Amino acid sequence: MNRRRCPTGKLKHFNEAWAEIAARRQSEDLGSVFRVYRCTCGWWHTFDVLKKRNKETQRESRNARRRRAARGEPSPLQILQAEQRREHRRAQRYRRRLREELPLRVWEDDGGA
């Protein structure tokens, strides 16, 4: 069997039995439901069934997307990207302010006192 590079980056299990053991252990430790699948890379991986189900229920329907687009509202991804840009700018301003204040905070020993 030819092992290719895994596109998922998940933990790799050699066969289905080992993956089942890992899924059982993850289910017990994390309190969720884990299942096993064979990846295109040839290895076996586990996935969280409840997490996948939550993602599907949070997904916006096609009609809702069309109505939102017709109203001119941004998508959730655009809102997230805007928040990330604001946070990045805020961090840049904070670092710049620290650099500018640094000479004022440096105490030079005058040799006395």
Protein backbone atom coordinates (compact mmCIF):
# COMPACT_ATOMS: atom_id res chain seq x y z
CA MET A 1 0.00 0.00 0.00
CA ASN A 2 1.43 3.39 -0.98
CA ARG A 3 1.35 5.91 1.89
CA ARG A 4 0.85 9.45 0.68
CA ARG A 5 1.06 12.69 2.62
CA CYS A 6 -2.05 13.10 4.72
CA PRO A 7 -4.13 16.21 3.86
CA THR A 8 -5.85 16.24 7.26
CA GLY A 9 -2.86 16.42 9.60
CA LYS A 10 -4.65 14.13 12.05
CA LEU A 11 -3.13 11.30 14.06
CA LYS A 12 -2.46 8.29 11.86
CA HIS A 13 -3.39 4.74 12.80
CA PHE A 14 -1.90 1.77 11.00
CA ASN A 15 -5.06 -0.32 10.80
CA GLU A 16 -8.74 -0.19 11.66
CA ALA A 17 -8.36 -2.08 14.94
CA TRP A 18 -5.85 0.41 16.34
CA ALA A 19 -8.02 3.28 15.17
CA GLU A 20 -11.03 1.74 16.94
CA ILE A 21 -9.02 1.50 20.16
CA ALA A 22 -7.99 5.14 19.82
CA ALA A 23 -11.59 6.18 19.08
CA ARG A 24 -12.84 4.37 22.20
CA ARG A 25 -10.16 6.02 24.30
CA GLN A 26 -10.89 9.47 22.88
CA SER A 27 -14.62 8.97 23.46
CA GLU A 28 -14.01 8.11 27.11
CA ASP A 29 -11.44 10.84 27.75
CA LEU A 30 -13.18 13.68 25.92
CA GLY A 31 -16.80 12.71 26.58
CA SER A 32 -17.83 12.71 22.93
CA VAL A 33 -18.50 10.16 20.19
CA PHE A 34 -15.57 9.33 17.92
CA ARG A 35 -15.75 7.22 14.76
CA VAL A 36 -13.10 5.77 12.43
CA TYR A 37 -12.59 6.31 8.70
CA ARG A 38 -9.97 5.46 6.11
CA CYS A 39 -8.31 8.53 4.61
CA THR A 40 -7.11 9.03 1.05
CA CYS A 41 -3.55 8.84 2.41
CA GLY A 42 -4.09 5.18 3.30
CA TRP A 43 -4.04 5.65 7.08
CA TRP A 44 -6.98 5.40 9.47
CA HIS A 45 -8.20 8.48 11.37
CA THR A 46 -10.83 9.29 13.99
CA PHE A 47 -13.40 12.09 13.89
CA ASP A 48 -15.81 13.58 16.40
CA VAL A 49 -19.39 12.83 15.30
CA LEU A 50 -20.93 15.48 17.57
CA LYS A 51 -18.57 18.19 16.32
CA LYS A 52 -19.43 17.37 12.72
CA ARG A 53 -23.14 17.46 13.52
CA ASN A 54 -22.77 20.84 15.28
CA LYS A 55 -21.00 22.29 12.23
CA GLU A 56 -23.81 21.12 9.97
CA THR A 57 -26.51 22.64 12.17
CA GLN A 58 -24.67 25.96 12.36
CA ARG A 59 -24.35 26.18 8.60
CA GLU A 60 -26.51 28.80 6.99
CA SER A 61 -29.08 27.58 4.48
CA ARG A 62 -28.84 28.60 0.85
CA ASN A 63 -32.01 30.69 1.07
CA ALA A 64 -30.73 32.48 4.16
CA ARG A 65 -27.45 33.25 2.36
CA ARG A 66 -29.33 34.63 -0.66
CA ARG A 67 -31.59 36.81 1.51
CA ARG A 68 -28.59 38.11 3.48
CA ALA A 69 -26.72 38.88 0.26
CA ALA A 70 -29.78 40.64 -1.17
CA ARG A 71 -29.95 42.82 1.96
CA GLY A 72 -26.25 43.61 1.53
CA GLU A 73 -25.19 42.12 4.86
CA PRO A 74 -21.67 40.67 5.17
CA SER A 75 -21.13 36.95 5.53
CA PRO A 76 -20.02 35.48 8.88
CA LEU A 77 -16.57 34.92 7.38
CA GLN A 78 -16.32 38.58 6.34
CA ILE A 79 -17.34 39.65 9.85
CA LEU A 80 -14.69 37.37 11.36
CA GLN A 81 -12.01 38.68 9.00
CA ALA A 82 -12.93 42.28 9.85
CA GLU A 83 -12.64 41.49 13.57
CA GLN A 84 -9.25 39.86 12.99
CA ARG A 85 -8.06 42.93 11.06
CA ARG A 86 -9.22 45.22 13.90
CA GLU A 87 -7.46 43.03 16.47
CA HIS A 88 -4.27 43.03 14.35
CA ARG A 89 -4.32 46.84 14.06
CA ARG A 90 -4.95 47.16 17.80
CA ALA A 91 -1.94 44.94 18.54
CA GLN A 92 0.22 46.97 16.12
CA ARG A 93 -0.79 50.23 17.84
CA TYR A 94 -0.04 48.68 21.24
CA ARG A 95 3.43 47.51 20.13
CA ARG A 96 4.20 50.90 18.54
CA ARG A 97 3.15 52.72 21.73
CA LEU A 98 5.40 50.42 23.80
CA ARG A 99 8.34 51.11 21.47
CA GLU A 100 7.77 54.87 21.76
CA GLU A 101 7.49 54.73 25.57
CA LEU A 102 10.57 52.56 26.02
CA PRO A 103 13.12 55.42 26.09
CA LEU A 104 11.03 57.14 28.77
CA ARG A 105 10.91 54.00 30.92
CA VAL A 106 14.62 53.23 30.68
CA TRP A 107 16.33 54.37 33.83
CA GLU A 108 19.92 55.34 33.44
CA ASP A 109 22.20 55.13 36.42
CA ASP A 110 23.65 58.53 37.10
CA GLY A 111 26.28 57.03 39.37
CA GLY A 112 24.97 58.68 42.49
CA ALA A 113 22.26 58.23 45.07
